[in-house]
Amino acid sequence: MSNALVVSQVMLWVAVVVLGLVCLALLRQIGVLYERIMPVGALVVDKGPAVGAVAPAFDLRDLYQSEVRIGGISADGRSTFLFFVSPTCPVCKKLLALLPSLQASEGANYRFVLASDGPRAEHEAFYRKAGLSAFPYVLSQELGMAYQIGRLPYAVVIDGEGKVRSKGLVNNREHLESLFEANEKGMASIQEYVARRDEQHAQA
């Protein structure tokens, strides 16, 4: 009887040790997967002014006829988050709802400017319905052509010195925030940051 009890206890401890090793192996694999999964950033389109290039300067007026300067040296040192949208773009409407929270968190370092083109009346109705009065909204076909906007929604970050720091197609909050992150890290995109990080790890 005592021998059976000893054997059962030994088998129990063996099972506990094996289970512990399995858990450690799983934790290690989770860590490896976490390192390998690349953060999804905005899709950079190789059109328009390149990242690092001087952004074209525009002196425009918004829907309230207030002056809006896009590009050039910023008087207050803030970067400009230029967001190209359309009243008929459902993804644009979803992302515009995120702008108040982004402005609350990033407003000290960025000013947000909405841009589009088309019939003024349509945009004025869209502007009012979406509750966008906190953001300047400019209509300029020339602005869209300068950045060669082909698909929407599209965003560009221009730093206080008037240079393009990040840009790309955006479909969710993660994409929007990746443009801020890329600018702050001095990279063209989150993808470039991850690639450089992996290269440094490989050389270490």
N, C-alpha and C. Protein backbone atom coordinates (compact mmCIF):
# COMPACT_ATOMS: atom_id res chain seq x y z
N MET A 1 0.84 -1.20 0.00
CA MET A 1 0.00 0.00 0.00
C MET A 1 0.87 1.24 0.00
N SER A 2 1.89 1.24 0.89
CA SER A 2 2.79 2.39 0.99
C SER A 2 3.55 2.58 -0.30
N ASN A 3 3.93 1.44 -0.97
CA ASN A 3 4.65 1.55 -2.24
C ASN A 3 3.78 2.22 -3.31
N ALA A 4 2.52 1.87 -3.32
CA ALA A 4 1.59 2.47 -4.30
C ALA A 4 1.44 3.97 -4.05
N LEU A 5 1.43 4.36 -2.76
CA LEU A 5 1.31 5.78 -2.42
C LEU A 5 2.55 6.54 -2.87
N VAL A 6 3.71 5.96 -2.66
CA VAL A 6 4.97 6.60 -3.07
C VAL A 6 5.00 6.77 -4.58
N VAL A 7 4.61 5.70 -5.29
CA VAL A 7 4.61 5.75 -6.76
C VAL A 7 3.66 6.84 -7.26
N SER A 8 2.48 6.92 -6.65
CA SER A 8 1.50 7.93 -7.08
C SER A 8 2.02 9.34 -6.82
N GLN A 9 2.70 9.52 -5.69
CA GLN A 9 3.27 10.83 -5.38
C GLN A 9 4.37 11.22 -6.37
N VAL A 10 5.20 10.24 -6.72
CA VAL A 10 6.28 10.50 -7.68
C VAL A 10 5.69 10.87 -9.05
N MET A 11 4.67 10.11 -9.46
CA MET A 11 4.04 10.39 -10.75
C MET A 11 3.39 11.76 -10.76
N LEU A 12 2.79 12.14 -9.61
CA LEU A 12 2.16 13.45 -9.50
C LEU A 12 3.19 14.56 -9.66
N TRP A 13 4.35 14.42 -9.00
CA TRP A 13 5.40 15.44 -9.09
C TRP A 13 5.99 15.50 -10.50
N VAL A 14 6.10 14.33 -11.12
CA VAL A 14 6.59 14.31 -12.51
C VAL A 14 5.63 15.08 -13.41
N ALA A 15 4.32 14.85 -13.19
CA ALA A 15 3.31 15.55 -14.00
C ALA A 15 3.37 17.06 -13.77
N VAL A 16 3.59 17.47 -12.51
CA VAL A 16 3.68 18.90 -12.19
C VAL A 16 4.89 19.52 -12.87
N VAL A 17 6.04 18.81 -12.83
CA VAL A 17 7.26 19.32 -13.46
C VAL A 17 7.07 19.45 -14.98
N VAL A 18 6.47 18.41 -15.58
CA VAL A 18 6.24 18.44 -17.03
C VAL A 18 5.31 19.60 -17.40
N LEU A 19 4.25 19.77 -16.61
CA LEU A 19 3.30 20.86 -16.86
C LEU A 19 4.00 22.22 -16.75
N GLY A 20 4.87 22.35 -15.76
CA GLY A 20 5.63 23.59 -15.59
C GLY A 20 6.52 23.87 -16.78
N LEU A 21 7.19 22.83 -17.30
CA LEU A 21 8.04 23.00 -18.47
C LEU A 21 7.24 23.39 -19.70
N VAL A 22 6.05 22.79 -19.85
CA VAL A 22 5.18 23.13 -20.98
C VAL A 22 4.76 24.60 -20.90
N CYS A 23 4.42 25.06 -19.69
CA CYS A 23 4.03 26.46 -19.51
C CYS A 23 5.17 27.41 -19.85
N LEU A 24 6.39 27.06 -19.43
CA LEU A 24 7.55 27.89 -19.76
C LEU A 24 7.77 27.95 -21.27
N ALA A 25 7.60 26.79 -21.93
CA ALA A 25 7.79 26.76 -23.38
C ALA A 25 6.74 27.62 -24.08
N LEU A 26 5.50 27.57 -23.59
CA LEU A 26 4.44 28.38 -24.18
C LEU A 26 4.71 29.87 -23.98
N LEU A 27 5.19 30.23 -22.78
CA LEU A 27 5.51 31.63 -22.51
C LEU A 27 6.62 32.13 -23.44
N ARG A 28 7.59 31.26 -23.67
CA ARG A 28 8.68 31.64 -24.57
C ARG A 28 8.18 31.85 -25.99
N GLN A 29 7.29 30.97 -26.45
CA GLN A 29 6.74 31.10 -27.79
C GLN A 29 5.88 32.36 -27.94
N ILE A 30 5.13 32.69 -26.88
CA ILE A 30 4.34 33.91 -26.91
C ILE A 30 5.25 35.13 -27.03
N GLY A 31 6.36 35.11 -26.30
CA GLY A 31 7.33 36.19 -26.38
C GLY A 31 7.92 36.33 -27.77
N VAL A 32 8.23 35.19 -28.40
CA VAL A 32 8.79 35.20 -29.76
C VAL A 32 7.77 35.76 -30.74
N LEU A 33 6.50 35.33 -30.61
CA LEU A 33 5.45 35.84 -31.50
C LEU A 33 5.25 37.33 -31.31
N TYR A 34 5.31 37.79 -30.06
CA TYR A 34 5.14 39.22 -29.79
C TYR A 34 6.23 40.04 -30.46
N GLU A 35 7.46 39.51 -30.45
CA GLU A 35 8.57 40.22 -31.08
C GLU A 35 8.43 40.24 -32.59
N ARG A 36 7.87 39.16 -33.15
CA ARG A 36 7.81 39.04 -34.61
C ARG A 36 6.65 39.79 -35.23
N ILE A 37 5.58 39.98 -34.46
CA ILE A 37 4.40 40.65 -35.02
C ILE A 37 4.69 42.13 -35.17
N MET A 38 4.62 42.62 -36.40
CA MET A 38 4.90 44.02 -36.68
C MET A 38 3.67 44.88 -36.43
N PRO A 39 3.86 46.02 -35.71
CA PRO A 39 2.74 46.93 -35.56
C PRO A 39 2.24 47.38 -36.94
N VAL A 40 0.94 47.47 -37.10
CA VAL A 40 0.38 47.86 -38.38
C VAL A 40 0.28 49.38 -38.43
N GLY A 41 1.01 49.98 -39.34
CA GLY A 41 0.98 51.43 -39.47
C GLY A 41 0.24 51.84 -40.72
N ALA A 42 0.17 53.14 -40.93
CA ALA A 42 -0.48 53.67 -42.13
C ALA A 42 0.25 53.16 -43.37
N LEU A 43 -0.51 52.90 -44.43
CA LEU A 43 0.07 52.41 -45.67
C LEU A 43 0.69 53.58 -46.43
N VAL A 44 2.01 53.59 -46.51
CA VAL A 44 2.71 54.68 -47.18
C VAL A 44 2.62 54.49 -48.69
N VAL A 45 2.14 55.52 -49.36
CA VAL A 45 2.01 55.51 -50.82
C VAL A 45 3.12 56.38 -51.40
N ASP A 46 3.88 55.82 -52.33
CA ASP A 46 5.03 56.53 -52.88
C ASP A 46 4.61 57.53 -53.95
N LYS A 47 3.79 58.49 -53.54
CA LYS A 47 3.35 59.56 -54.43
C LYS A 47 3.37 60.87 -53.67
N GLY A 48 3.46 61.95 -54.38
CA GLY A 48 3.47 63.25 -53.73
C GLY A 48 4.81 63.52 -53.07
N PRO A 49 4.91 64.60 -52.28
CA PRO A 49 6.16 64.95 -51.62
C PRO A 49 6.66 63.81 -50.74
N ALA A 50 7.94 63.48 -50.85
CA ALA A 50 8.51 62.38 -50.08
C ALA A 50 8.68 62.78 -48.62
N VAL A 51 8.73 61.79 -47.76
CA VAL A 51 8.99 62.05 -46.35
C VAL A 51 10.40 62.65 -46.24
N GLY A 52 10.50 63.77 -45.54
CA GLY A 52 11.76 64.48 -45.41
C GLY A 52 11.87 65.67 -46.35
N ALA A 53 11.01 65.71 -47.37
CA ALA A 53 11.02 66.82 -48.33
C ALA A 53 10.23 68.00 -47.77
N VAL A 54 10.53 69.18 -48.30
CA VAL A 54 9.78 70.37 -47.90
C VAL A 54 8.37 70.28 -48.45
N ALA A 55 7.40 70.47 -47.59
CA ALA A 55 6.00 70.39 -48.01
C ALA A 55 5.63 71.63 -48.82
N PRO A 56 4.83 71.48 -49.87
CA PRO A 56 4.38 72.65 -50.62
C PRO A 56 3.54 73.55 -49.71
N ALA A 57 3.76 74.85 -49.82
CA ALA A 57 3.07 75.81 -48.95
C ALA A 57 1.80 76.33 -49.63
N PHE A 58 0.73 76.38 -48.87
CA PHE A 58 -0.55 76.88 -49.36
C PHE A 58 -1.14 77.86 -48.35
N ASP A 59 -1.63 78.97 -48.83
CA ASP A 59 -2.39 79.91 -48.02
C ASP A 59 -3.85 79.82 -48.47
N LEU A 60 -4.66 79.20 -47.62
CA LEU A 60 -6.05 78.92 -47.98
C LEU A 60 -7.01 79.55 -46.99
N ARG A 61 -8.29 79.42 -47.27
CA ARG A 61 -9.33 79.85 -46.32
C ARG A 61 -10.25 78.67 -46.05
N ASP A 62 -10.64 78.52 -44.79
CA ASP A 62 -11.52 77.40 -44.44
C ASP A 62 -12.97 77.77 -44.72
N LEU A 63 -13.88 76.90 -44.33
CA LEU A 63 -15.30 77.13 -44.60
C LEU A 63 -15.85 78.36 -43.89
N TYR A 64 -15.15 78.83 -42.84
CA TYR A 64 -15.54 80.04 -42.13
C TYR A 64 -14.79 81.26 -42.64
N GLN A 65 -14.01 81.07 -43.73
CA GLN A 65 -13.22 82.13 -44.34
C GLN A 65 -12.05 82.59 -43.48
N SER A 66 -11.66 81.76 -42.52
CA SER A 66 -10.46 82.06 -41.74
C SER A 66 -9.23 81.60 -42.51
N GLU A 67 -8.12 82.31 -42.37
CA GLU A 67 -6.89 81.96 -43.08
C GLU A 67 -6.28 80.70 -42.48
N VAL A 68 -5.86 79.80 -43.36
CA VAL A 68 -5.21 78.56 -42.94
C VAL A 68 -3.95 78.38 -43.78
N ARG A 69 -2.81 78.36 -43.13
CA ARG A 69 -1.56 78.13 -43.85
C ARG A 69 -1.13 76.69 -43.66
N ILE A 70 -0.87 76.03 -44.76
CA ILE A 70 -0.42 74.64 -44.74
C ILE A 70 0.96 74.59 -45.37
N GLY A 71 1.93 74.09 -44.60
CA GLY A 71 3.32 74.09 -45.05
C GLY A 71 4.02 75.34 -44.56
N GLY A 72 5.31 75.43 -44.79
CA GLY A 72 6.08 76.56 -44.30
C GLY A 72 6.39 76.41 -42.82
N ILE A 73 7.11 77.38 -42.28
CA ILE A 73 7.50 77.35 -40.87
C ILE A 73 6.29 77.71 -40.01
N SER A 74 6.04 76.88 -39.01
CA SER A 74 4.90 77.09 -38.11
C SER A 74 5.23 78.18 -37.09
N ALA A 75 4.32 79.13 -36.93
CA ALA A 75 4.54 80.23 -36.00
C ALA A 75 4.62 79.75 -34.55
N ASP A 76 3.84 78.74 -34.21
CA ASP A 76 3.84 78.25 -32.82
C ASP A 76 4.68 76.99 -32.63
N GLY A 77 5.35 76.54 -33.69
CA GLY A 77 6.23 75.37 -33.58
C GLY A 77 5.53 74.04 -33.65
N ARG A 78 4.19 74.05 -33.73
CA ARG A 78 3.47 72.78 -33.78
C ARG A 78 3.52 72.17 -35.18
N SER A 79 3.42 70.86 -35.21
CA SER A 79 3.30 70.16 -36.49
C SER A 79 1.85 70.25 -36.96
N THR A 80 1.65 70.01 -38.24
CA THR A 80 0.30 70.01 -38.82
C THR A 80 -0.10 68.60 -39.20
N PHE A 81 -1.27 68.17 -38.75
CA PHE A 81 -1.83 66.89 -39.14
C PHE A 81 -2.88 67.18 -40.19
N LEU A 82 -2.52 66.96 -41.45
CA LEU A 82 -3.38 67.27 -42.59
C LEU A 82 -4.16 66.01 -42.96
N PHE A 83 -5.48 66.08 -42.86
CA PHE A 83 -6.32 64.90 -43.03
C PHE A 83 -7.25 65.11 -44.22
N PHE A 84 -7.03 64.34 -45.29
CA PHE A 84 -7.86 64.42 -46.50
C PHE A 84 -9.07 63.50 -46.35
N VAL A 85 -10.26 64.08 -46.51
CA VAL A 85 -11.49 63.33 -46.30
C VAL A 85 -12.50 63.63 -47.40
N SER A 86 -13.64 62.95 -47.33
CA SER A 86 -14.72 63.19 -48.28
C SER A 86 -16.06 62.92 -47.59
N PRO A 87 -17.10 63.69 -47.89
CA PRO A 87 -18.41 63.44 -47.29
C PRO A 87 -19.01 62.09 -47.67
N THR A 88 -18.55 61.50 -48.77
CA THR A 88 -19.11 60.23 -49.23
C THR A 88 -18.26 59.03 -48.82
N CYS A 89 -17.24 59.25 -48.00
CA CYS A 89 -16.32 58.18 -47.57
C CYS A 89 -16.73 57.67 -46.20
N PRO A 90 -17.26 56.43 -46.08
CA PRO A 90 -17.71 55.92 -44.78
C PRO A 90 -16.57 55.77 -43.77
N VAL A 91 -15.37 55.39 -44.24
CA VAL A 91 -14.24 55.24 -43.32
C VAL A 91 -13.83 56.60 -42.78
N CYS A 92 -13.90 57.62 -43.64
CA CYS A 92 -13.58 58.98 -43.20
C CYS A 92 -14.48 59.39 -42.03
N LYS A 93 -15.77 59.11 -42.16
CA LYS A 93 -16.72 59.47 -41.11
C LYS A 93 -16.38 58.78 -39.79
N LYS A 94 -15.97 57.52 -39.89
CA LYS A 94 -15.61 56.77 -38.69
C LYS A 94 -14.39 57.38 -38.01
N LEU A 95 -13.39 57.75 -38.81
CA LEU A 95 -12.15 58.30 -38.25
C LEU A 95 -12.33 59.73 -37.76
N LEU A 96 -13.20 60.49 -38.41
CA LEU A 96 -13.44 61.86 -37.96
C LEU A 96 -14.00 61.89 -36.54
N ALA A 97 -14.73 60.84 -36.18
CA ALA A 97 -15.28 60.76 -34.82
C ALA A 97 -14.17 60.61 -33.77
N LEU A 98 -12.98 60.20 -34.22
CA LEU A 98 -11.85 60.02 -33.30
C LEU A 98 -11.05 61.30 -33.10
N LEU A 99 -11.26 62.29 -33.95
CA LEU A 99 -10.44 63.49 -33.90
C LEU A 99 -10.51 64.26 -32.58
N PRO A 100 -11.68 64.42 -31.95
CA PRO A 100 -11.68 65.14 -30.67
C PRO A 100 -10.77 64.52 -29.62
N SER A 101 -10.76 63.20 -29.52
CA SER A 101 -9.89 62.56 -28.53
C SER A 101 -8.42 62.69 -28.92
N LEU A 102 -8.14 62.63 -30.23
CA LEU A 102 -6.76 62.81 -30.68
C LEU A 102 -6.29 64.25 -30.43
N GLN A 103 -7.18 65.19 -30.65
CA GLN A 103 -6.82 66.59 -30.40
C GLN A 103 -6.56 66.81 -28.91
N ALA A 104 -7.35 66.16 -28.07
CA ALA A 104 -7.16 66.29 -26.62
C ALA A 104 -5.80 65.77 -26.18
N SER A 105 -5.34 64.69 -26.82
CA SER A 105 -4.07 64.09 -26.42
C SER A 105 -2.86 64.66 -27.16
N GLU A 106 -3.08 65.12 -28.41
CA GLU A 106 -1.97 65.57 -29.24
C GLU A 106 -2.00 67.06 -29.58
N GLY A 107 -3.04 67.77 -29.13
CA GLY A 107 -3.23 69.15 -29.52
C GLY A 107 -2.10 70.09 -29.14
N ALA A 108 -1.35 69.76 -28.10
CA ALA A 108 -0.25 70.63 -27.70
C ALA A 108 0.87 70.63 -28.73
N ASN A 109 0.98 69.55 -29.49
CA ASN A 109 2.07 69.42 -30.45
C ASN A 109 1.61 69.45 -31.91
N TYR A 110 0.30 69.32 -32.13
CA TYR A 110 -0.22 69.25 -33.49
C TYR A 110 -1.45 70.13 -33.64
N ARG A 111 -1.61 70.69 -34.82
CA ARG A 111 -2.87 71.31 -35.19
C ARG A 111 -3.48 70.44 -36.29
N PHE A 112 -4.77 70.26 -36.23
CA PHE A 112 -5.46 69.37 -37.16
C PHE A 112 -6.18 70.20 -38.23
N VAL A 113 -5.94 69.86 -39.49
CA VAL A 113 -6.59 70.54 -40.60
C VAL A 113 -7.23 69.50 -41.51
N LEU A 114 -8.51 69.68 -41.80
CA LEU A 114 -9.22 68.78 -42.71
C LEU A 114 -9.19 69.37 -44.11
N ALA A 115 -9.06 68.51 -45.12
CA ALA A 115 -8.96 68.99 -46.50
C ALA A 115 -9.79 68.12 -47.43
N SER A 116 -10.34 68.75 -48.45
CA SER A 116 -11.11 68.03 -49.46
C SER A 116 -11.30 68.96 -50.65
N ASP A 117 -12.15 68.56 -51.58
CA ASP A 117 -12.54 69.45 -52.68
C ASP A 117 -13.93 69.03 -53.16
N GLY A 118 -14.53 69.88 -53.97
CA GLY A 118 -15.87 69.59 -54.45
C GLY A 118 -16.83 70.72 -54.12
N PRO A 119 -18.14 70.51 -54.34
CA PRO A 119 -19.14 71.55 -54.11
C PRO A 119 -19.14 72.03 -52.66
N ARG A 120 -19.05 73.33 -52.48
CA ARG A 120 -18.96 73.91 -51.14
C ARG A 120 -20.17 73.58 -50.27
N ALA A 121 -21.37 73.65 -50.86
CA ALA A 121 -22.59 73.41 -50.09
C ALA A 121 -22.61 72.00 -49.49
N GLU A 122 -22.15 71.03 -50.26
CA GLU A 122 -22.11 69.65 -49.78
C GLU A 122 -21.18 69.52 -48.58
N HIS A 123 -20.04 70.18 -48.65
CA HIS A 123 -19.06 70.09 -47.56
C HIS A 123 -19.53 70.87 -46.33
N GLU A 124 -20.20 71.98 -46.55
CA GLU A 124 -20.71 72.73 -45.40
C GLU A 124 -21.74 71.91 -44.63
N ALA A 125 -22.61 71.21 -45.36
CA ALA A 125 -23.62 70.37 -44.71
C ALA A 125 -22.94 69.22 -43.96
N PHE A 126 -21.96 68.62 -44.59
CA PHE A 126 -21.21 67.53 -43.97
C PHE A 126 -20.48 68.02 -42.71
N TYR A 127 -19.89 69.18 -42.81
CA TYR A 127 -19.12 69.79 -41.71
C TYR A 127 -20.01 70.01 -40.49
N ARG A 128 -21.20 70.55 -40.74
CA ARG A 128 -22.13 70.81 -39.64
C ARG A 128 -22.66 69.51 -39.04
N LYS A 129 -23.07 68.58 -39.90
CA LYS A 129 -23.66 67.33 -39.42
C LYS A 129 -22.67 66.50 -38.61
N ALA A 130 -21.39 66.51 -39.02
CA ALA A 130 -20.37 65.73 -38.34
C ALA A 130 -19.83 66.42 -37.09
N GLY A 131 -20.25 67.67 -36.84
CA GLY A 131 -19.80 68.39 -35.65
C GLY A 131 -18.30 68.65 -35.65
N LEU A 132 -17.82 69.19 -36.77
CA LEU A 132 -16.37 69.38 -36.94
C LEU A 132 -15.93 70.83 -36.73
N SER A 133 -16.72 71.63 -36.06
CA SER A 133 -16.43 73.05 -35.94
C SER A 133 -15.10 73.35 -35.25
N ALA A 134 -14.56 72.39 -34.52
CA ALA A 134 -13.28 72.62 -33.82
C ALA A 134 -12.08 72.52 -34.76
N PHE A 135 -12.34 72.09 -36.01
CA PHE A 135 -11.23 71.86 -36.93
C PHE A 135 -11.39 72.68 -38.20
N PRO A 136 -10.34 73.38 -38.63
CA PRO A 136 -10.43 74.08 -39.92
C PRO A 136 -10.60 73.08 -41.06
N TYR A 137 -11.45 73.44 -42.02
CA TYR A 137 -11.78 72.56 -43.13
C TYR A 137 -11.58 73.36 -44.42
N VAL A 138 -10.61 72.95 -45.23
CA VAL A 138 -10.29 73.70 -46.45
C VAL A 138 -10.70 72.90 -47.68
N LEU A 139 -11.12 73.63 -48.71
CA LEU A 139 -11.45 73.02 -50.00
C LEU A 139 -10.42 73.51 -51.02
N SER A 140 -9.65 72.58 -51.57
CA SER A 140 -8.61 72.97 -52.53
C SER A 140 -8.24 71.78 -53.39
N GLN A 141 -8.58 71.86 -54.66
CA GLN A 141 -8.18 70.82 -55.59
C GLN A 141 -6.66 70.81 -55.77
N GLU A 142 -6.06 72.00 -55.74
CA GLU A 142 -4.61 72.11 -55.91
C GLU A 142 -3.86 71.42 -54.77
N LEU A 143 -4.39 71.51 -53.56
CA LEU A 143 -3.76 70.86 -52.42
C LEU A 143 -3.75 69.35 -52.60
N GLY A 144 -4.89 68.78 -53.00
CA GLY A 144 -4.96 67.34 -53.24
C GLY A 144 -4.04 66.90 -54.36
N MET A 145 -3.93 67.73 -55.40
CA MET A 145 -3.05 67.39 -56.52
C MET A 145 -1.59 67.45 -56.10
N ALA A 146 -1.24 68.40 -55.24
CA ALA A 146 0.14 68.53 -54.78
C ALA A 146 0.60 67.28 -54.04
N TYR A 147 -0.32 66.66 -53.29
CA TYR A 147 0.01 65.44 -52.54
C TYR A 147 -0.40 64.18 -53.30
N GLN A 148 -0.94 64.36 -54.51
CA GLN A 148 -1.34 63.26 -55.38
C GLN A 148 -2.24 62.26 -54.64
N ILE A 149 -3.29 62.79 -54.07
CA ILE A 149 -4.23 61.97 -53.31
C ILE A 149 -5.11 61.18 -54.28
N GLY A 150 -5.00 59.86 -54.21
CA GLY A 150 -5.79 59.00 -55.08
C GLY A 150 -6.86 58.24 -54.33
N ARG A 151 -6.60 57.94 -53.04
CA ARG A 151 -7.56 57.20 -52.22
C ARG A 151 -7.69 57.88 -50.87
N LEU A 152 -8.85 57.67 -50.26
CA LEU A 152 -9.13 58.28 -48.97
C LEU A 152 -9.56 57.21 -47.96
N PRO A 153 -9.42 57.52 -46.67
CA PRO A 153 -8.83 58.71 -46.07
C PRO A 153 -7.29 58.66 -46.09
N TYR A 154 -6.69 59.84 -46.19
CA TYR A 154 -5.24 59.96 -46.30
C TYR A 154 -4.78 61.08 -45.37
N ALA A 155 -3.66 60.87 -44.70
CA ALA A 155 -3.16 61.86 -43.75
C ALA A 155 -1.69 62.14 -43.97
N VAL A 156 -1.30 63.38 -43.70
CA VAL A 156 0.09 63.81 -43.83
C VAL A 156 0.47 64.60 -42.58
N VAL A 157 1.64 64.33 -42.03
CA VAL A 157 2.15 65.11 -40.91
C VAL A 157 3.27 66.00 -41.43
N ILE A 158 3.12 67.31 -41.21
CA ILE A 158 4.12 68.30 -41.61
C ILE A 158 4.67 68.92 -40.33
N ASP A 159 5.99 68.89 -40.15
CA ASP A 159 6.56 69.39 -38.90
C ASP A 159 6.61 70.93 -38.88
N GLY A 160 7.05 71.47 -37.77
CA GLY A 160 7.07 72.92 -37.59
C GLY A 160 8.02 73.64 -38.52
N GLU A 161 8.94 72.89 -39.14
CA GLU A 161 9.87 73.48 -40.10
C GLU A 161 9.35 73.39 -41.53
N GLY A 162 8.17 72.82 -41.69
CA GLY A 162 7.56 72.74 -43.01
C GLY A 162 7.98 71.54 -43.82
N LYS A 163 8.45 70.48 -43.17
CA LYS A 163 8.84 69.27 -43.88
C LYS A 163 7.86 68.14 -43.63
N VAL A 164 7.65 67.31 -44.64
CA VAL A 164 6.78 66.15 -44.51
C VAL A 164 7.49 65.12 -43.63
N ARG A 165 6.83 64.69 -42.56
CA ARG A 165 7.47 63.75 -41.62
C ARG A 165 6.86 62.36 -41.66
N SER A 166 5.61 62.23 -42.02
CA SER A 166 4.98 60.92 -42.17
C SER A 166 3.71 61.12 -42.97
N LYS A 167 3.25 60.04 -43.62
CA LYS A 167 2.05 60.14 -44.44
C LYS A 167 1.55 58.74 -44.74
N GLY A 168 0.31 58.64 -45.22
CA GLY A 168 -0.19 57.34 -45.63
C GLY A 168 -1.69 57.22 -45.59
N LEU A 169 -2.18 56.14 -46.18
CA LEU A 169 -3.60 55.80 -46.10
C LEU A 169 -3.92 55.32 -44.69
N VAL A 170 -5.03 55.75 -44.14
CA VAL A 170 -5.39 55.37 -42.78
C VAL A 170 -6.80 54.78 -42.76
N ASN A 171 -6.96 53.71 -42.00
CA ASN A 171 -8.27 53.05 -41.92
C ASN A 171 -8.78 52.86 -40.50
N ASN A 172 -7.93 53.14 -39.50
CA ASN A 172 -8.35 52.97 -38.12
C ASN A 172 -7.49 53.85 -37.21
N ARG A 173 -7.81 53.82 -35.93
CA ARG A 173 -7.09 54.68 -34.97
C ARG A 173 -5.61 54.32 -34.91
N GLU A 174 -5.32 53.02 -35.02
CA GLU A 174 -3.93 52.58 -34.97
C GLU A 174 -3.12 53.21 -36.10
N HIS A 175 -3.72 53.31 -37.29
CA HIS A 175 -3.04 53.95 -38.41
C HIS A 175 -2.79 55.42 -38.13
N LEU A 176 -3.79 56.11 -37.59
CA LEU A 176 -3.62 57.52 -37.27
C LEU A 176 -2.49 57.72 -36.27
N GLU A 177 -2.52 56.94 -35.20
CA GLU A 177 -1.51 57.09 -34.16
C GLU A 177 -0.12 56.70 -34.65
N SER A 178 -0.05 55.82 -35.65
CA SER A 178 1.26 55.43 -36.18
C SER A 178 1.96 56.61 -36.85
N LEU A 179 1.20 57.55 -37.40
CA LEU A 179 1.79 58.73 -38.02
C LEU A 179 2.41 59.65 -36.97
N PHE A 180 1.74 59.80 -35.83
CA PHE A 180 2.32 60.57 -34.73
C PHE A 180 3.60 59.89 -34.23
N GLU A 181 3.50 58.57 -34.07
CA GLU A 181 4.63 57.80 -33.55
C GLU A 181 5.83 57.88 -34.48
N ALA A 182 5.58 57.76 -35.78
CA ALA A 182 6.67 57.83 -36.75
C ALA A 182 7.33 59.20 -36.71
N ASN A 183 6.54 60.24 -36.61
CA ASN A 183 7.08 61.60 -36.54
C ASN A 183 7.94 61.78 -35.30
N GLU A 184 7.45 61.31 -34.17
CA GLU A 184 8.18 61.49 -32.92
C GLU A 184 9.46 60.67 -32.86
N LYS A 185 9.49 59.55 -33.57
CA LYS A 185 10.69 58.72 -33.59
C LYS A 185 11.64 59.11 -34.72
N GLY A 186 11.23 60.08 -35.53
CA GLY A 186 12.08 60.52 -36.63
C GLY A 186 12.17 59.51 -37.75
N MET A 187 11.13 58.71 -37.92
CA MET A 187 11.11 57.69 -38.97
C MET A 187 10.02 58.03 -39.99
N ALA A 188 10.18 57.49 -41.20
CA ALA A 188 9.18 57.72 -42.24
C ALA A 188 7.89 56.98 -41.94
N SER A 189 8.01 55.84 -41.24
CA SER A 189 6.83 55.03 -40.93
C SER A 189 7.16 54.09 -39.80
N ILE A 190 6.13 53.51 -39.19
CA ILE A 190 6.33 52.52 -38.14
C ILE A 190 7.04 51.30 -38.71
N GLN A 191 6.75 50.96 -39.96
CA GLN A 191 7.40 49.81 -40.59
C GLN A 191 8.91 50.02 -40.65
N GLU A 192 9.34 51.25 -40.97
CA GLU A 192 10.77 51.54 -41.01
C GLU A 192 11.39 51.43 -39.62
N TYR A 193 10.67 51.90 -38.61
CA TYR A 193 11.16 51.81 -37.24
C TYR A 193 11.37 50.35 -36.82
N VAL A 194 10.38 49.51 -37.12
CA VAL A 194 10.48 48.09 -36.76
C VAL A 194 11.63 47.43 -37.51
N ALA A 195 11.80 47.75 -38.80
CA ALA A 195 12.87 47.17 -39.60
C ALA A 195 14.24 47.54 -39.03
N ARG A 196 14.40 48.79 -38.62
CA ARG A 196 15.68 49.22 -38.05
C ARG A 196 15.92 48.57 -36.69
N ARG A 197 14.85 48.44 -35.90
CA ARG A 197 14.98 47.79 -34.59
C ARG A 197 15.42 46.35 -34.76
N ASP A 198 14.79 45.64 -35.71
CA ASP A 198 15.15 44.24 -35.94
C ASP A 198 16.58 44.11 -36.44
N GLU A 199 17.01 45.07 -37.27
CA GLU A 199 18.37 45.05 -37.78
C GLU A 199 19.38 45.25 -36.65
N GLN A 200 19.06 46.16 -35.72
CA GLN A 200 19.95 46.39 -34.60
C GLN A 200 20.02 45.18 -33.68
N HIS A 201 18.87 44.49 -33.49
CA HIS A 201 18.86 43.27 -32.68
C HIS A 201 19.70 42.18 -33.34
N ALA A 202 19.63 42.10 -34.67
CA ALA A 202 20.39 41.07 -35.40
C ALA A 202 21.88 41.32 -35.30
N GLN A 203 22.28 42.60 -35.26
CA GLN A 203 23.71 42.94 -35.19
C GLN A 203 24.26 42.83 -33.78
N ALA A 204 23.37 42.90 -32.78
CA ALA A 204 23.81 42.84 -31.37
C ALA A 204 24.32 41.45 -31.01
